[in-house]
């Protein structure tokens, strides 16, 4: 991984860099930019507390934010940056000043150096630590005209959009969507009875192998998808075991997908032989074997982010682009599964707020969809996977990895 070093000498230059650190244009956010020494090593985005939040709530949220910062190894300094819709003209002092002061105080109490604390509003920007900041803030042109925009190398520069735009579905052809729906309905009818499985295998062949299918889909062009392929993928992911296996395979590779699939096959055989539910079988095996089931423990740890092993961001980005188009082509009733896959993959990349959008959409289709409920609990707590806090191989990379947390407060 090549390191990217961009020097910022003025506060407005630093503000020009922050969107590149997090990978989008922050809105209604608190971004904590973490430092090891003089270089950034991470940027975490959180929702701002609601307007008029009590002092107790501000303190609780600040404690959660700084507690998350504490999980990044070697961090010794921070710059909080507030992005708010509130204007300088509408308040005395700076917008969101009380919350910013609370976060700074909590960070200093936890031993972090607060290098600066900044605010970006619709009508200006300013520093909470600069007593000479003008009443109306500094002009936003300082940020938009910063030399930093040209200093970021082309191969490291990211095209930026709003956070919510990461969850936008692409436009798709109506006829293709209708064809996907018809094909999916046919596969689901054939799959209801074991007697029809040979017919289904004959019709769509080896593509039913979920490991091979997951790997093949990463090579598909989202702009030129075959409706038959989309229908097969949707058919497979409607099953929780295939859904989770493909999701982990997208993030961690074919070997993890294969191990997870073999584990699922073993559990399914036990289910057929005993008549017990999958949950009962998994629970009984864990009670009997403890941590002696490496494949089961690995899959569980990866799902919950209880490992420092990092997912492959390129594979995840390709999977996300694909799944967005798949969802756009899917009948409404079939969308919760790929929505949950998108939510987990977004969370795995540290985009908790984007994950929350996908979770909400899944629950809007099916309020009782189990995976959506579990993800909602995980993401709403603000919990981030352990790999988000692992020290990268290149500790000197200036722009660090962007992470985000979702808050429903």
Protein backbone atom coordinates (compact mmCIF):
# COMPACT_ATOMS: atom_id res chain seq x y z
CA UNK A 1 0.00 0.00 0.00
CA UNK A 2 1.50 3.34 -1.02
CA UNK A 3 1.44 6.02 1.58
CA UNK A 4 -0.11 9.37 0.77
CA UNK A 5 1.23 12.41 2.60
CA UNK A 6 -0.57 15.72 2.33
CA UNK A 7 0.66 18.56 4.51
CA UNK A 8 -1.86 21.07 5.87
CA UNK A 9 -0.51 24.28 7.34
CA UNK A 10 -3.74 26.19 8.01
CA UNK A 11 -7.03 25.11 9.57
CA UNK A 12 -8.94 25.66 6.34
CA UNK A 13 -6.44 23.42 4.51
CA UNK A 14 -7.11 20.70 7.07
CA UNK A 15 -10.86 21.12 6.52
CA UNK A 16 -10.31 20.68 2.79
CA UNK A 17 -8.69 17.31 3.53
CA UNK A 18 -11.29 15.91 5.95
CA UNK A 19 -13.83 14.81 3.28
CA UNK A 20 -11.03 12.86 1.58
CA UNK A 21 -10.27 11.16 4.90
CA UNK A 22 -13.83 9.97 5.43
CA UNK A 23 -14.62 9.42 1.76
CA UNK A 24 -17.75 11.55 1.52
CA UNK A 25 -19.07 15.05 2.21
CA UNK A 26 -20.08 15.05 5.89
CA UNK A 27 -23.46 16.49 6.90
CA UNK A 28 -24.94 16.91 10.39
CA UNK A 29 -21.87 15.14 11.73
CA UNK A 30 -19.06 15.12 14.23
CA UNK A 31 -15.86 13.79 12.64
CA UNK A 32 -13.04 12.83 14.97
CA UNK A 33 -9.74 12.90 13.11
CA UNK A 34 -7.22 10.81 15.04
CA UNK A 35 -3.45 11.34 15.06
CA UNK A 36 -0.39 9.28 15.85
CA UNK A 37 2.25 11.91 16.32
CA UNK A 38 1.93 14.43 13.52
CA UNK A 39 0.06 12.22 11.08
CA UNK A 40 -3.55 11.18 10.81
CA UNK A 41 -4.41 7.51 11.29
CA UNK A 42 -8.20 7.50 11.14
CA UNK A 43 -11.35 9.54 10.80
CA UNK A 44 -14.59 8.53 12.53
CA UNK A 45 -17.97 10.05 11.72
CA UNK A 46 -20.86 10.23 14.18
CA UNK A 47 -24.27 11.84 14.07
CA UNK A 48 -24.62 15.10 15.95
CA UNK A 49 -26.92 14.96 18.98
CA UNK A 50 -30.41 16.37 18.45
CA UNK A 51 -30.90 20.11 18.75
CA UNK A 52 -31.55 21.09 22.35
CA UNK A 53 -29.96 17.91 23.75
CA UNK A 54 -29.54 17.99 27.52
CA UNK A 55 -26.16 18.30 29.17
CA UNK A 56 -26.45 14.69 30.36
CA UNK A 57 -27.09 13.42 26.83
CA UNK A 58 -24.23 15.50 25.41
CA UNK A 59 -21.87 14.06 27.99
CA UNK A 60 -23.04 10.50 27.33
CA UNK A 61 -22.56 10.85 23.57
CA UNK A 62 -19.17 12.51 24.03
CA UNK A 63 -18.06 9.64 26.27
CA UNK A 64 -19.11 7.11 23.62
CA UNK A 65 -17.25 8.99 20.87
CA UNK A 66 -14.03 9.33 22.84
CA UNK A 67 -14.33 5.72 24.04
CA UNK A 68 -14.32 4.64 20.40
CA UNK A 69 -11.25 6.79 19.78
CA UNK A 70 -9.51 4.98 22.64
CA UNK A 71 -9.74 1.71 20.70
CA UNK A 72 -7.37 2.91 17.97
CA UNK A 73 -3.82 1.82 18.95
CA UNK A 74 -1.25 4.55 19.40
CA UNK A 75 -3.57 7.54 19.06
CA UNK A 76 -2.35 10.51 21.07
CA UNK A 77 -4.20 13.50 19.56
CA UNK A 78 -7.48 14.40 17.91
CA UNK A 79 -9.19 17.17 15.98
CA UNK A 80 -13.00 17.16 16.32
CA UNK A 81 -14.79 18.70 13.33
CA UNK A 82 -18.48 19.61 13.44
CA UNK A 83 -20.56 19.76 10.24
CA UNK A 84 -23.88 21.40 10.96
CA UNK A 85 -26.89 22.94 9.23
CA UNK A 86 -26.98 25.63 11.92
CA UNK A 87 -25.53 28.93 10.74
CA UNK A 88 -23.09 31.31 12.38
CA UNK A 89 -25.65 34.08 11.86
CA UNK A 90 -28.28 32.24 13.92
CA UNK A 91 -26.30 31.76 17.15
CA UNK A 92 -23.97 33.66 19.44
CA UNK A 93 -20.51 32.19 19.18
CA UNK A 94 -20.13 29.09 17.00
CA UNK A 95 -22.81 26.53 16.05
CA UNK A 96 -22.95 23.36 18.23
CA UNK A 97 -20.48 25.00 20.62
CA UNK A 98 -21.64 23.24 23.78
CA UNK A 99 -21.35 19.80 22.27
CA UNK A 100 -17.93 20.55 20.80
CA UNK A 101 -16.72 21.80 24.19
CA UNK A 102 -18.03 18.63 25.84
CA UNK A 103 -16.19 16.40 23.35
CA UNK A 104 -12.96 18.36 23.77
CA UNK A 105 -13.16 18.18 27.55
CA UNK A 106 -13.82 14.43 27.46
CA UNK A 107 -10.93 13.86 25.02
CA UNK A 108 -8.50 15.81 27.21
CA UNK A 109 -9.71 13.95 30.29
CA UNK A 110 -8.89 10.70 28.48
CA UNK A 111 -5.33 11.88 27.80
CA UNK A 112 -5.62 13.05 24.19
CA UNK A 113 -4.13 16.27 22.91
CA UNK A 114 -6.84 18.33 21.20
CA UNK A 115 -4.91 19.94 18.36
CA UNK A 116 -7.86 22.02 17.23
CA UNK A 117 -11.67 21.85 17.17
CA UNK A 118 -13.38 23.10 14.02
CA UNK A 119 -16.83 23.87 12.71
CA UNK A 120 -18.18 23.97 9.15
CA UNK A 121 -21.59 25.61 8.72
CA UNK A 122 -23.58 26.69 5.64
CA UNK A 123 -22.33 30.28 6.00
CA UNK A 124 -18.77 29.89 7.23
CA UNK A 125 -16.19 27.96 9.20
CA UNK A 126 -14.34 28.57 12.43
CA UNK A 127 -12.31 27.16 15.29
CA UNK A 128 -13.79 26.61 18.73
CA UNK A 129 -10.30 27.13 20.17
CA UNK A 130 -9.65 30.46 18.41
CA UNK A 131 -10.95 33.40 20.48
CA UNK A 132 -10.32 35.72 17.55
CA UNK A 133 -12.67 33.83 15.21
CA UNK A 134 -14.95 36.46 13.61
CA UNK A 135 -18.60 36.51 14.64
CA UNK A 136 -19.79 35.35 11.22
CA UNK A 137 -17.04 32.79 10.78
CA UNK A 138 -14.42 32.65 8.08
CA UNK A 139 -15.54 32.40 4.42
CA UNK A 140 -16.12 28.92 3.02
CA UNK A 141 -14.11 30.00 0.00
CA UNK A 142 -11.01 29.42 2.15
CA UNK A 143 -11.82 25.70 2.11
CA UNK A 144 -12.96 25.38 -1.50
CA UNK A 145 -9.93 27.34 -2.70
CA UNK A 146 -7.36 25.46 -0.62
CA UNK A 147 -4.22 24.19 -2.33
CA UNK A 148 -4.92 20.83 -0.67
CA UNK A 149 -7.41 19.96 -3.40
CA UNK A 150 -4.56 19.98 -5.91
CA UNK A 151 -2.05 18.44 -3.51
CA UNK A 152 -3.93 15.14 -3.16
CA UNK A 153 -2.48 12.83 -5.86
CA UNK A 154 -4.92 11.74 -8.56
CA UNK A 155 -4.55 8.05 -7.66
CA UNK A 156 -5.41 8.80 -4.01
CA UNK A 157 -8.20 11.32 -4.64
CA UNK A 158 -11.76 10.07 -4.14
CA UNK A 159 -14.87 11.30 -5.89
CA UNK A 160 -17.02 12.65 -3.09
CA UNK A 161 -20.75 12.68 -2.60
CA UNK A 162 -23.05 12.90 0.39
CA UNK A 163 -23.26 10.03 2.85
CA UNK A 164 -26.81 9.15 1.84
CA UNK A 165 -25.85 8.94 -1.83
CA UNK A 166 -23.81 5.82 -1.01
CA UNK A 167 -27.15 4.08 -0.50
CA UNK A 168 -28.79 5.36 -3.70
CA UNK A 169 -30.03 2.65 -6.05
CA UNK A 170 -29.17 2.96 -9.74
CA UNK A 171 -31.82 3.36 -12.41
CA UNK A 172 -32.65 0.05 -14.08
CA UNK A 173 -34.68 -1.05 -17.06
CA UNK A 174 -38.30 -1.83 -16.15
CA UNK A 175 -38.42 -4.78 -18.53
CA UNK A 176 -35.29 -6.27 -16.95
CA UNK A 177 -36.79 -5.87 -13.48
CA UNK A 178 -39.98 -7.63 -14.57
CA UNK A 179 -37.96 -10.46 -16.09
CA UNK A 180 -35.97 -10.88 -12.86
CA UNK A 181 -39.22 -11.08 -10.93
CA UNK A 182 -40.66 -13.77 -13.23
CA UNK A 183 -37.47 -15.83 -13.17
CA UNK A 184 -37.15 -15.58 -9.40
CA UNK A 185 -40.76 -16.66 -8.91
CA UNK A 186 -40.13 -19.68 -11.14
CA UNK A 187 -37.02 -20.72 -9.22
CA UNK A 188 -38.84 -20.34 -5.92
CA UNK A 189 -41.75 -22.47 -7.13
CA UNK A 190 -39.37 -25.19 -8.31
CA UNK A 191 -37.39 -25.04 -5.10
CA UNK A 192 -40.35 -25.65 -2.82
CA UNK A 193 -40.29 -29.41 -3.37
CA UNK A 194 -37.28 -31.76 -3.22
CA UNK A 195 -38.75 -33.66 -6.18
CA UNK A 196 -38.16 -30.64 -8.40
CA UNK A 197 -34.52 -30.04 -7.44
CA UNK A 198 -33.16 -32.12 -10.39
CA UNK A 199 -35.26 -29.99 -12.75
CA UNK A 200 -33.88 -26.85 -11.16
CA UNK A 201 -30.31 -28.14 -11.41
CA UNK A 202 -30.86 -29.03 -15.03
CA UNK A 203 -32.24 -25.55 -15.72
CA UNK A 204 -29.54 -23.43 -14.10
CA UNK A 205 -26.78 -26.00 -13.67
CA UNK A 206 -23.69 -25.51 -11.60
CA UNK A 207 -24.53 -21.87 -10.88
CA UNK A 208 -26.37 -23.17 -7.80
CA UNK A 209 -23.00 -23.70 -6.12
CA UNK A 210 -23.03 -20.65 -3.80
CA UNK A 211 -19.23 -20.50 -3.46
CA UNK A 212 -18.62 -20.51 -7.21
CA UNK A 213 -21.53 -18.14 -7.73
CA UNK A 214 -20.28 -15.64 -5.15
CA UNK A 215 -16.83 -15.60 -6.74
CA UNK A 216 -18.22 -15.26 -10.24
CA UNK A 217 -20.49 -12.36 -9.34
CA UNK A 218 -17.53 -10.18 -8.38
CA UNK A 219 -16.57 -10.22 -12.06
CA UNK A 220 -20.01 -9.17 -13.29
CA UNK A 221 -20.49 -5.72 -14.77
CA UNK A 222 -23.25 -4.02 -12.71
CA UNK A 223 -24.19 -1.98 -15.79
CA UNK A 224 -24.77 -5.07 -17.94
CA UNK A 225 -26.30 -7.73 -15.72
CA UNK A 226 -28.17 -10.69 -17.18
CA UNK A 227 -31.64 -10.86 -15.55
CA UNK A 228 -31.28 -14.66 -15.31
CA UNK A 229 -28.04 -14.29 -13.34
CA UNK A 230 -29.64 -11.74 -11.03
CA UNK A 231 -32.60 -14.03 -10.40
CA UNK A 232 -30.30 -16.94 -9.50
CA UNK A 233 -28.31 -14.76 -7.09
CA UNK A 234 -31.50 -13.49 -5.47
CA UNK A 235 -32.81 -17.05 -5.19
CA UNK A 236 -29.65 -18.19 -3.39
CA UNK A 237 -29.42 -15.31 -0.93
CA UNK A 238 -33.00 -15.77 0.25
CA UNK A 239 -31.61 -18.63 2.34
CA UNK A 240 -29.89 -17.24 5.48
CA UNK A 241 -27.00 -19.72 5.26
CA UNK A 242 -26.16 -18.82 1.64
CA UNK A 243 -26.72 -15.13 2.33
CA UNK A 244 -24.21 -15.06 5.17
CA UNK A 245 -21.69 -17.30 3.39
CA UNK A 246 -21.72 -15.09 0.29
CA UNK A 247 -21.49 -11.96 2.40
CA UNK A 248 -18.39 -13.23 4.23
CA UNK A 249 -16.90 -14.48 0.97
CA UNK A 250 -17.33 -11.08 -0.64
CA UNK A 251 -15.38 -9.54 2.23
CA UNK A 252 -12.73 -12.13 3.05
CA UNK A 253 -12.25 -14.32 -0.02
CA UNK A 254 -13.12 -17.67 -1.51
CA UNK A 255 -11.40 -19.76 1.19
CA UNK A 256 -13.62 -18.24 3.89
CA UNK A 257 -16.65 -18.75 1.66
CA UNK A 258 -15.78 -22.40 1.11
CA UNK A 259 -15.22 -23.09 4.81
CA UNK A 260 -18.48 -21.39 5.71
CA UNK A 261 -20.39 -23.30 3.02
CA UNK A 262 -18.99 -26.66 4.24
CA UNK A 263 -20.01 -25.75 7.77
CA UNK A 264 -23.51 -24.91 6.55
CA UNK A 265 -23.73 -28.26 4.73
CA UNK A 266 -22.78 -30.12 7.89
CA UNK A 267 -25.35 -28.27 9.95
CA UNK A 268 -27.99 -28.86 7.28
CA UNK A 269 -27.25 -32.62 7.31
CA UNK A 270 -27.63 -32.67 11.09
CA UNK A 271 -30.88 -30.76 10.77
CA UNK A 272 -32.30 -33.31 8.31
CA UNK A 273 -31.13 -36.24 10.44
CA UNK A 274 -32.40 -34.95 13.78
CA UNK A 275 -35.34 -32.75 12.84
CA UNK A 276 -34.00 -30.04 15.14
CA UNK A 277 -33.80 -26.38 14.22
CA UNK A 278 -30.54 -24.90 12.96
CA UNK A 279 -30.34 -22.63 16.01
CA UNK A 280 -30.70 -25.61 18.37
CA UNK A 281 -27.99 -27.57 16.55
CA UNK A 282 -25.54 -24.67 16.55
CA UNK A 283 -26.21 -23.96 20.22
CA UNK A 284 -25.77 -27.61 21.22
CA UNK A 285 -22.50 -27.95 19.31
CA UNK A 286 -21.09 -24.81 20.88
CA UNK A 287 -22.03 -26.02 24.36
CA UNK A 288 -20.45 -29.40 23.65
CA UNK A 289 -17.30 -28.30 21.84
CA UNK A 290 -16.74 -24.76 23.06
CA UNK A 291 -14.05 -23.14 20.89
CA UNK A 292 -12.97 -26.47 19.37
CA UNK A 293 -14.98 -25.77 16.20
CA UNK A 294 -12.57 -23.48 14.33
CA UNK A 295 -14.76 -22.98 11.25
CA UNK A 296 -17.82 -22.15 13.34
CA UNK A 297 -15.87 -19.79 15.57
CA UNK A 298 -14.19 -18.12 12.62
CA UNK A 299 -17.49 -17.48 10.87
CA UNK A 300 -19.06 -16.13 14.04
CA UNK A 301 -16.08 -13.91 14.84
CA UNK A 302 -16.00 -12.52 11.30
CA UNK A 303 -19.72 -11.78 11.36
CA UNK A 304 -19.42 -9.87 14.64
CA UNK A 305 -16.11 -8.19 13.82
CA UNK A 306 -14.32 -9.97 16.67
CA UNK A 307 -11.02 -10.24 14.83
CA UNK A 308 -8.28 -7.95 13.65
CA UNK A 309 -8.19 -9.70 10.26
CA UNK A 310 -9.06 -7.01 7.74
CA UNK A 311 -11.57 -7.59 4.93
CA UNK A 312 -10.56 -6.85 1.36
CA UNK A 313 -11.89 -3.34 0.55
CA UNK A 314 -11.69 -3.86 -3.22
CA UNK A 315 -13.83 -7.00 -3.05
CA UNK A 316 -16.32 -5.23 -0.80
CA UNK A 317 -16.60 -2.22 -3.10
CA UNK A 318 -17.24 -4.49 -6.09
CA UNK A 319 -19.84 -6.43 -4.11
CA UNK A 320 -21.58 -3.25 -2.98
CA UNK A 321 -21.81 -1.90 -6.54
CA UNK A 322 -23.23 -5.23 -7.69
CA UNK A 323 -25.75 -5.58 -4.85
CA UNK A 324 -27.07 -2.05 -5.32
CA UNK A 325 -28.04 -2.97 -8.88
CA UNK A 326 -29.37 -6.36 -7.76
CA UNK A 327 -31.65 -4.68 -5.22
CA UNK A 328 -32.86 -2.20 -7.84
CA UNK A 329 -33.80 -5.15 -10.08
CA UNK A 330 -35.32 -7.26 -7.29
CA UNK A 331 -39.03 -7.57 -6.45
CA UNK A 332 -39.77 -5.75 -3.21
CA UNK A 333 -40.39 -8.96 -1.25
CA UNK A 334 -36.89 -10.25 -2.16
CA UNK A 335 -35.00 -7.12 -1.08
CA UNK A 336 -34.41 -7.64 2.69
CA UNK A 337 -31.66 -10.24 2.14
CA UNK A 338 -29.48 -8.16 -0.23
CA UNK A 339 -30.25 -5.04 1.84
CA UNK A 340 -28.83 -6.81 4.88
CA UNK A 341 -25.79 -7.90 2.91
CA UNK A 342 -25.26 -4.27 1.89
CA UNK A 343 -25.70 -3.18 5.51
CA UNK A 344 -23.13 -5.63 6.83
CA UNK A 345 -20.61 -4.88 4.07
CA UNK A 346 -21.00 -1.14 4.73
CA UNK A 347 -20.51 -1.71 8.47
CA UNK A 348 -17.44 -3.83 7.73
CA UNK A 349 -15.98 -0.83 5.88
CA UNK A 350 -16.76 1.42 8.84
CA UNK A 351 -19.79 3.10 7.25
CA UNK A 352 -22.24 2.59 10.07
CA UNK A 353 -24.52 5.41 9.00
CA UNK A 354 -24.86 3.95 5.50
CA UNK A 355 -25.49 0.53 7.03
CA UNK A 356 -28.31 2.08 9.03
CA UNK A 357 -30.02 3.27 5.84
CA UNK A 358 -29.97 -0.23 4.38
CA UNK A 359 -31.25 -1.74 7.65
CA UNK A 360 -34.14 0.70 7.74
CA UNK A 361 -35.05 -0.23 4.16
CA UNK A 362 -34.97 -3.96 4.95
CA UNK A 363 -37.21 -3.46 7.98
CA UNK A 364 -39.60 -1.31 5.93
CA UNK A 365 -40.16 -4.32 3.65
CA UNK A 366 -40.28 -6.93 6.44
CA UNK A 367 -40.30 -5.63 10.05
CA UNK A 368 -39.76 -9.20 11.28
CA UNK A 369 -36.74 -10.02 9.13
CA UNK A 370 -34.33 -11.52 11.67
CA UNK A 371 -31.00 -10.47 10.19
CA UNK A 372 -32.17 -6.85 9.90
CA UNK A 373 -33.11 -6.82 13.58
CA UNK A 374 -29.74 -8.24 14.62
CA UNK A 375 -27.85 -5.75 12.47
CA UNK A 376 -29.96 -2.91 13.81
CA UNK A 377 -28.94 -3.80 17.38
CA UNK A 378 -25.27 -4.09 16.38
CA UNK A 379 -25.05 -0.90 14.33
CA UNK A 380 -27.27 1.29 16.51
CA UNK A 381 -25.00 0.60 19.47
CA UNK A 382 -22.18 2.36 17.61
CA UNK A 383 -20.06 -0.80 17.79
CA UNK A 384 -17.32 -1.04 15.18
CA UNK A 385 -15.45 -4.21 14.13
CA UNK A 386 -12.06 -4.87 15.69
CA UNK A 387 -10.35 -4.61 12.31
CA UNK A 388 -11.35 -0.94 12.15
CA UNK A 389 -8.86 -0.31 14.95
CA UNK A 390 -6.01 -2.56 13.83
CA UNK A 391 -2.80 -0.70 12.97
CA UNK A 392 -2.27 -0.74 9.18
CA UNK A 393 0.94 -2.25 7.81
CA UNK A 394 1.93 1.21 6.63
CA UNK A 395 1.59 3.27 9.80
CA UNK A 396 2.81 6.38 8.00
CA UNK A 397 -0.04 6.57 5.52
CA UNK A 398 -1.35 10.07 5.99
CA UNK A 399 -4.95 9.65 5.00
CA UNK A 400 -5.70 6.64 7.21
CA UNK A 401 -8.82 4.47 7.04
CA UNK A 402 -12.19 6.15 7.35
CA UNK A 403 -14.64 4.70 9.85
CA UNK A 404 -18.11 5.74 10.91
CA UNK A 405 -20.59 5.02 13.62
CA UNK A 406 -24.34 5.11 13.49
CA UNK A 407 -26.29 6.73 16.27
CA UNK A 408 -30.07 6.64 16.60
CA UNK A 409 -30.14 8.93 19.61
